[in-house]
Amino acid sequence: MKLQEIFRNIIANDSLHARFLNTLSLMENTGARKISASEDKTKVSYIVLKHAAEEARHAFYLKKQIQKVGKIADFPTYENPYLIAPFASYTYLHTLDIQVCRYLKSSLKLSGSDLRYAAYLLVTYAIEVRADELYPAYQELLDEVSSKVNMKSIIVEEEGHLAEMISQLKEFSPEWETHAKIACDIEKTLFDQWIVSIGKELGVN
């Protein structure tokens, strides 16, 4: 099922839409937590701090958007009943991180803080590439139905994040594009599985 069809089915039902917003909030919050977990105890750059803060803010913003289609109190946590495709949503970023780490260990023989930083770069790059596709496609359909839900501020920040990640990756390795492509290939497989899981839950596959 195409992404647009998934979005149309979700947007058409306020309860589903609220659960989807909560699910996106979970995923942004997971990203913020992973960025923070990858930080060195002392060598933390401005860009890394900025990125972690903005991902956490996106999680909060998405949670607030629920009030435009329902009640935030009805979606108090990230527990399964309040999410769409909870298992796939929980494991998507974790699995991407694990698989990218395995690749970095085998190809570049990295470990410790070097491994955590390299994984942060590649995982975040892959996620930002995805965000640059997902949020604009979502916003297009929100505009189509004149929804009060709005992703425009997130779209602008995610575009900035992608540019920042490319800059950091260029400093990390002259072969950054090769490594980034592998990370994106891993992410695509996981994203496609996530979309299939959502489609099955909606009964539209």
C-alpha atoms as a PDB file:
ATOM      1  CA  MET A   1       0.000   0.000   0.000  1.00  0.00           C
ATOM      2  CA  LYS A   2       1.253   3.473  -0.876  1.00  0.00           C
ATOM      3  CA  LEU A   3       2.070   5.963   1.845  1.00  0.00           C
ATOM      4  CA  GLN A   4      -0.616   8.349   0.603  1.00  0.00           C
ATOM      5  CA  GLU A   5      -3.305   5.668   0.903  1.00  0.00           C
ATOM      6  CA  ILE A   6      -2.221   4.935   4.477  1.00  0.00           C
ATOM      7  CA  PHE A   7      -2.380   8.632   5.336  1.00  0.00           C
ATOM      8  CA  ARG A   8      -5.817   9.065   3.747  1.00  0.00           C
ATOM      9  CA  ASN A   9      -7.247   6.201   5.775  1.00  0.00           C
ATOM     10  CA  ILE A  10      -5.746   7.569   8.983  1.00  0.00           C
ATOM     11  CA  ILE A  11      -6.745  11.200   8.453  1.00  0.00           C
ATOM     12  CA  ALA A  12     -10.332  10.183   7.704  1.00  0.00           C
ATOM     13  CA  ASN A  13     -10.794   8.795  11.232  1.00  0.00           C
ATOM     14  CA  ASP A  14     -10.107  11.109  14.178  1.00  0.00           C
ATOM     15  CA  SER A  15      -9.417   8.277  16.621  1.00  0.00           C
ATOM     16  CA  LEU A  16      -6.923   6.637  14.250  1.00  0.00           C
ATOM     17  CA  HIS A  17      -5.414  10.020  13.507  1.00  0.00           C
ATOM     18  CA  ALA A  18      -4.833  10.689  17.199  1.00  0.00           C
ATOM     19  CA  ARG A  19      -3.179   7.288  17.617  1.00  0.00           C
ATOM     20  CA  PHE A  20      -0.989   7.977  14.596  1.00  0.00           C
ATOM     21  CA  LEU A  21       0.120  11.318  16.009  1.00  0.00           C
ATOM     22  CA  ASN A  22       0.949   9.581  19.277  1.00  0.00           C
ATOM     23  CA  THR A  23       2.904   6.964  17.337  1.00  0.00           C
ATOM     24  CA  LEU A  24       4.929   9.630  15.515  1.00  0.00           C
ATOM     25  CA  SER A  25       5.530  11.300  18.881  1.00  0.00           C
ATOM     26  CA  LEU A  26       6.869   8.004  20.244  1.00  0.00           C
ATOM     27  CA  MET A  27       9.253   7.669  17.310  1.00  0.00           C
ATOM     28  CA  GLU A  28      10.542  11.230  17.599  1.00  0.00           C
ATOM     29  CA  ASN A  29      11.017  10.743  21.343  1.00  0.00           C
ATOM     30  CA  THR A  30      12.892   7.497  20.733  1.00  0.00           C
ATOM     31  CA  GLY A  31      15.166   9.375  18.350  1.00  0.00           C
ATOM     32  CA  ALA A  32      15.847  12.096  20.911  1.00  0.00           C
ATOM     33  CA  ARG A  33      16.679   9.501  23.568  1.00  0.00           C
ATOM     34  CA  LYS A  34      19.013   7.644  21.214  1.00  0.00           C
ATOM     35  CA  ILE A  35      20.867  10.819  20.309  1.00  0.00           C
ATOM     36  CA  SER A  36      21.353  11.596  24.004  1.00  0.00           C
ATOM     37  CA  ALA A  37      22.487   8.023  24.684  1.00  0.00           C
ATOM     38  CA  SER A  38      25.125   8.288  21.931  1.00  0.00           C
ATOM     39  CA  GLU A  39      26.730  11.387  23.447  1.00  0.00           C
ATOM     40  CA  ASP A  40      30.225  11.310  24.882  1.00  0.00           C
ATOM     41  CA  LYS A  41      30.392  12.429  28.515  1.00  0.00           C
ATOM     42  CA  THR A  42      32.391  15.545  27.665  1.00  0.00           C
ATOM     43  CA  LYS A  43      32.774  15.877  23.871  1.00  0.00           C
ATOM     44  CA  VAL A  44      29.254  16.997  23.053  1.00  0.00           C
ATOM     45  CA  SER A  45      28.912  19.416  20.149  1.00  0.00           C
ATOM     46  CA  TYR A  46      26.430  22.234  19.700  1.00  0.00           C
ATOM     47  CA  ILE A  47      24.829  20.455  16.733  1.00  0.00           C
ATOM     48  CA  VAL A  48      24.265  17.220  18.670  1.00  0.00           C
ATOM     49  CA  LEU A  49      22.673  19.116  21.574  1.00  0.00           C
ATOM     50  CA  LYS A  50      20.515  21.102  19.159  1.00  0.00           C
ATOM     51  CA  HIS A  51      19.388  18.008  17.336  1.00  0.00           C
ATOM     52  CA  ALA A  52      18.482  16.091  20.507  1.00  0.00           C
ATOM     53  CA  ALA A  53      16.518  19.094  21.798  1.00  0.00           C
ATOM     54  CA  GLU A  54      14.628  19.543  18.538  1.00  0.00           C
ATOM     55  CA  GLU A  55      13.706  15.858  18.285  1.00  0.00           C
ATOM     56  CA  ALA A  56      12.341  15.997  21.844  1.00  0.00           C
ATOM     57  CA  ARG A  57      10.402  19.129  20.934  1.00  0.00           C
ATOM     58  CA  HIS A  58       8.954  17.369  17.884  1.00  0.00           C
ATOM     59  CA  ALA A  59       7.723  14.568  20.154  1.00  0.00           C
ATOM     60  CA  PHE A  60       6.017  17.148  22.380  1.00  0.00           C
ATOM     61  CA  TYR A  61       4.605  19.064  19.400  1.00  0.00           C
ATOM     62  CA  LEU A  62       3.114  15.908  17.889  1.00  0.00           C
ATOM     63  CA  LYS A  63       1.569  15.006  21.240  1.00  0.00           C
ATOM     64  CA  LYS A  64      -0.035  18.464  21.395  1.00  0.00           C
ATOM     65  CA  GLN A  65      -1.433  18.033  17.871  1.00  0.00           C
ATOM     66  CA  ILE A  66      -3.657  15.243  19.208  1.00  0.00           C
ATOM     67  CA  GLN A  67      -5.934  17.891  20.720  1.00  0.00           C
ATOM     68  CA  LYS A  68      -6.911  18.950  17.181  1.00  0.00           C
ATOM     69  CA  VAL A  69      -8.517  15.559  16.499  1.00  0.00           C
ATOM     70  CA  GLY A  70      -9.245  14.242  20.002  1.00  0.00           C
ATOM     71  CA  LYS A  71      -8.319  14.539  23.652  1.00  0.00           C
ATOM     72  CA  ILE A  72      -4.688  14.271  24.768  1.00  0.00           C
ATOM     73  CA  ALA A  73      -5.938  12.676  27.995  1.00  0.00           C
ATOM     74  CA  ASP A  74      -7.206   9.726  25.933  1.00  0.00           C
ATOM     75  CA  PHE A  75      -3.614   9.021  24.794  1.00  0.00           C
ATOM     76  CA  PRO A  76      -1.668   9.456  28.049  1.00  0.00           C
ATOM     77  CA  THR A  77       1.342   7.255  27.284  1.00  0.00           C
ATOM     78  CA  TYR A  78       3.131   5.309  24.548  1.00  0.00           C
ATOM     79  CA  GLU A  79       1.625   2.009  25.661  1.00  0.00           C
ATOM     80  CA  ASN A  80       0.236  -0.337  22.998  1.00  0.00           C
ATOM     81  CA  PRO A  81      -3.456   0.682  23.122  1.00  0.00           C
ATOM     82  CA  TYR A  82      -2.522   4.270  22.281  1.00  0.00           C
ATOM     83  CA  LEU A  83      -0.399   3.488  19.201  1.00  0.00           C
ATOM     84  CA  ILE A  84      -0.791   2.213  15.647  1.00  0.00           C
ATOM     85  CA  ALA A  85       1.276  -0.916  14.885  1.00  0.00           C
ATOM     86  CA  PRO A  86       2.971  -0.710  18.306  1.00  0.00           C
ATOM     87  CA  PHE A  87       5.512  -3.519  17.871  1.00  0.00           C
ATOM     88  CA  ALA A  88       6.773  -2.262  14.509  1.00  0.00           C
ATOM     89  CA  SER A  89       6.774   1.315  15.820  1.00  0.00           C
ATOM     90  CA  TYR A  90       8.729   0.394  18.956  1.00  0.00           C
ATOM     91  CA  THR A  91      11.334  -1.686  17.124  1.00  0.00           C
ATOM     92  CA  TYR A  92      11.837   0.379  13.949  1.00  0.00           C
ATOM     93  CA  LEU A  93      14.526   2.721  15.257  1.00  0.00           C
ATOM     94  CA  HIS A  94      16.060   0.211  17.660  1.00  0.00           C
ATOM     95  CA  THR A  95      16.508  -2.354  14.881  1.00  0.00           C
ATOM     96  CA  LEU A  96      17.966   0.273  12.545  1.00  0.00           C
ATOM     97  CA  ASP A  97      20.476   1.234  15.234  1.00  0.00           C
ATOM     98  CA  ILE A  98      21.460  -2.401  15.867  1.00  0.00           C
ATOM     99  CA  GLN A  99      21.914  -3.230  12.191  1.00  0.00           C
ATOM    100  CA  VAL A 100      23.912  -0.075  11.469  1.00  0.00           C
ATOM    101  CA  CYS A 101      26.153  -0.831  14.463  1.00  0.00           C
ATOM    102  CA  ARG A 102      26.761  -4.326  13.115  1.00  0.00           C
ATOM    103  CA  TYR A 103      27.714  -2.871   9.759  1.00  0.00           C
ATOM    104  CA  LEU A 104      30.111  -0.352  11.331  1.00  0.00           C
ATOM    105  CA  LYS A 105      31.740  -3.020  13.491  1.00  0.00           C
ATOM    106  CA  SER A 106      32.363  -5.303  10.525  1.00  0.00           C
ATOM    107  CA  SER A 107      33.304  -2.696   7.912  1.00  0.00           C
ATOM    108  CA  LEU A 108      35.170  -0.059   9.947  1.00  0.00           C
ATOM    109  CA  LYS A 109      36.062  -2.098  13.073  1.00  0.00           C
ATOM    110  CA  LEU A 110      34.661   0.615  15.334  1.00  0.00           C
ATOM    111  CA  SER A 111      33.868   0.177  19.009  1.00  0.00           C
ATOM    112  CA  GLY A 112      33.002   2.204  22.113  1.00  0.00           C
ATOM    113  CA  SER A 113      32.385   5.924  21.739  1.00  0.00           C
ATOM    114  CA  ASP A 114      33.584   5.902  18.116  1.00  0.00           C
ATOM    115  CA  LEU A 115      30.957   3.307  17.259  1.00  0.00           C
ATOM    116  CA  ARG A 116      28.207   5.205  19.076  1.00  0.00           C
ATOM    117  CA  TYR A 117      29.046   8.437  17.277  1.00  0.00           C
ATOM    118  CA  ALA A 118      29.281   6.834  13.835  1.00  0.00           C
ATOM    119  CA  ALA A 119      25.981   5.036  14.410  1.00  0.00           C
ATOM    120  CA  TYR A 120      24.394   8.327  15.495  1.00  0.00           C
ATOM    121  CA  LEU A 121      25.538   9.935  12.233  1.00  0.00           C
ATOM    122  CA  LEU A 122      24.330   7.177   9.917  1.00  0.00           C
ATOM    123  CA  VAL A 123      21.103   6.315  11.722  1.00  0.00           C
ATOM    124  CA  THR A 124      20.125   9.962  12.042  1.00  0.00           C
ATOM    125  CA  TYR A 125      20.970  10.641   8.392  1.00  0.00           C
ATOM    126  CA  ALA A 126      18.763   7.754   7.256  1.00  0.00           C
ATOM    127  CA  ILE A 127      15.927   8.946   9.496  1.00  0.00           C
ATOM    128  CA  GLU A 128      16.215  12.525   8.208  1.00  0.00           C
ATOM    129  CA  VAL A 129      16.092  11.324   4.606  1.00  0.00           C
ATOM    130  CA  ARG A 130      12.907   9.456   5.511  1.00  0.00           C
ATOM    131  CA  ALA A 131      11.451  12.445   7.381  1.00  0.00           C
ATOM    132  CA  ASP A 132      12.017  14.615   4.310  1.00  0.00           C
ATOM    133  CA  GLU A 133       9.685  12.275   2.434  1.00  0.00           C
ATOM    134  CA  LEU A 134       7.170  11.326   5.123  1.00  0.00           C
ATOM    135  CA  TYR A 135       6.241  14.685   6.663  1.00  0.00           C
ATOM    136  CA  PRO A 136       5.702  16.595   3.378  1.00  0.00           C
ATOM    137  CA  ALA A 137       3.549  13.723   2.023  1.00  0.00           C
ATOM    138  CA  TYR A 138       1.534  13.795   5.255  1.00  0.00           C
ATOM    139  CA  GLN A 139       1.188  17.602   5.139  1.00  0.00           C
ATOM    140  CA  GLU A 140       0.008  17.494   1.530  1.00  0.00           C
ATOM    141  CA  LEU A 141      -2.934  15.299   2.498  1.00  0.00           C
ATOM    142  CA  LEU A 142      -3.633  17.349   5.634  1.00  0.00           C
ATOM    143  CA  ASP A 143      -3.898  20.409   3.389  1.00  0.00           C
ATOM    144  CA  GLU A 144      -6.116  18.477   0.985  1.00  0.00           C
ATOM    145  CA  VAL A 145      -8.784  18.028   3.685  1.00  0.00           C
ATOM    146  CA  SER A 146      -8.102  21.378   5.425  1.00  0.00           C
ATOM    147  CA  SER A 147      -7.081  19.599   8.623  1.00  0.00           C
ATOM    148  CA  LYS A 148      -6.120  21.650  11.651  1.00  0.00           C
ATOM    149  CA  VAL A 149      -3.186  19.274  12.204  1.00  0.00           C
ATOM    150  CA  ASN A 150      -0.008  20.848  10.863  1.00  0.00           C
ATOM    151  CA  MET A 151       3.498  19.503  10.253  1.00  0.00           C
ATOM    152  CA  LYS A 152       5.048  22.572   8.622  1.00  0.00           C
ATOM    153  CA  SER A 153       7.315  23.576  11.504  1.00  0.00           C
ATOM    154  CA  ILE A 154       8.659  20.015  11.757  1.00  0.00           C
ATOM    155  CA  ILE A 155       9.291  19.916   8.002  1.00  0.00           C
ATOM    156  CA  VAL A 156      11.446  23.052   8.154  1.00  0.00           C
ATOM    157  CA  GLU A 157      13.528  21.733  11.064  1.00  0.00           C
ATOM    158  CA  GLU A 158      13.957  18.282   9.538  1.00  0.00           C
ATOM    159  CA  GLU A 159      15.319  19.871   6.357  1.00  0.00           C
ATOM    160  CA  GLY A 160      17.869  21.698   8.489  1.00  0.00           C
ATOM    161  CA  HIS A 161      18.753  18.485  10.320  1.00  0.00           C
ATOM    162  CA  LEU A 162      19.491  16.707   7.051  1.00  0.00           C
ATOM    163  CA  ALA A 163      21.880  19.443   5.932  1.00  0.00           C
ATOM    164  CA  GLU A 164      23.613  19.288   9.323  1.00  0.00           C
ATOM    165  CA  MET A 165      23.968  15.508   9.131  1.00  0.00           C
ATOM    166  CA  ILE A 166      25.541  15.696   5.682  1.00  0.00           C
ATOM    167  CA  SER A 167      28.038  18.250   6.981  1.00  0.00           C
ATOM    168  CA  GLN A 168      28.968  15.995   9.918  1.00  0.00           C
ATOM    169  CA  LEU A 169      29.203  12.905   7.707  1.00  0.00           C
ATOM    170  CA  LYS A 170      31.607  14.680   5.333  1.00  0.00           C
ATOM    171  CA  GLU A 171      33.893  15.320   8.305  1.00  0.00           C
ATOM    172  CA  PHE A 172      33.492  11.727   9.487  1.00  0.00           C
ATOM    173  CA  SER A 173      34.596   9.949   6.304  1.00  0.00           C
ATOM    174  CA  PRO A 174      35.473  10.680   2.659  1.00  0.00           C
ATOM    175  CA  GLU A 175      33.432   7.544   1.877  1.00  0.00           C
ATOM    176  CA  TRP A 176      30.401   8.846   3.783  1.00  0.00           C
ATOM    177  CA  GLU A 177      28.048   8.425   0.834  1.00  0.00           C
ATOM    178  CA  THR A 178      28.803   4.695   0.625  1.00  0.00           C
ATOM    179  CA  HIS A 179      28.135   4.220   4.335  1.00  0.00           C
ATOM    180  CA  ALA A 180      25.036   6.440   4.209  1.00  0.00           C
ATOM    181  CA  LYS A 181      23.544   4.458   1.322  1.00  0.00           C
ATOM    182  CA  ILE A 182      23.871   1.227   3.279  1.00  0.00           C
ATOM    183  CA  ALA A 183      22.168   2.826   6.275  1.00  0.00           C
ATOM    184  CA  CYS A 184      19.358   4.082   4.031  1.00  0.00           C
ATOM    185  CA  ASP A 185      18.932   0.641   2.457  1.00  0.00           C
ATOM    186  CA  ILE A 186      18.561  -0.881   5.933  1.00  0.00           C
ATOM    187  CA  GLU A 187      16.091   1.847   6.902  1.00  0.00           C
ATOM    188  CA  LYS A 188      13.996   1.332   3.756  1.00  0.00           C
ATOM    189  CA  THR A 189      13.455  -2.326   4.589  1.00  0.00           C
ATOM    190  CA  LEU A 190      12.366  -1.445   8.136  1.00  0.00           C
ATOM    191  CA  PHE A 191      10.164   1.422   6.972  1.00  0.00           C
ATOM    192  CA  ASP A 192       8.429  -0.795   4.428  1.00  0.00           C
ATOM    193  CA  GLN A 193       7.764  -3.336   7.191  1.00  0.00           C
ATOM    194  CA  TRP A 194       6.331  -0.549   9.360  1.00  0.00           C
ATOM    195  CA  ILE A 195       3.973   0.564   6.593  1.00  0.00           C
ATOM    196  CA  VAL A 196       2.821  -3.027   6.025  1.00  0.00           C
ATOM    197  CA  SER A 197       2.143  -3.400   9.765  1.00  0.00           C
ATOM    198  CA  ILE A 198       0.089  -0.204   9.780  1.00  0.00           C
ATOM    199  CA  GLY A 199      -1.852  -1.361   6.735  1.00  0.00           C
ATOM    200  CA  LYS A 200      -2.646  -4.684   8.378  1.00  0.00           C
ATOM    201  CA  GLU A 201      -3.882  -2.950  11.525  1.00  0.00           C
ATOM    202  CA  LEU A 202      -6.085  -0.671   9.445  1.00  0.00           C
ATOM    203  CA  GLY A 203      -7.331  -3.644   7.417  1.00  0.00           C
ATOM    204  CA  VAL A 204      -6.416  -1.977   4.134  1.00  0.00           C
ATOM    205  CA  ASN A 205      -3.550  -4.175   2.858  1.00  0.00           C
END
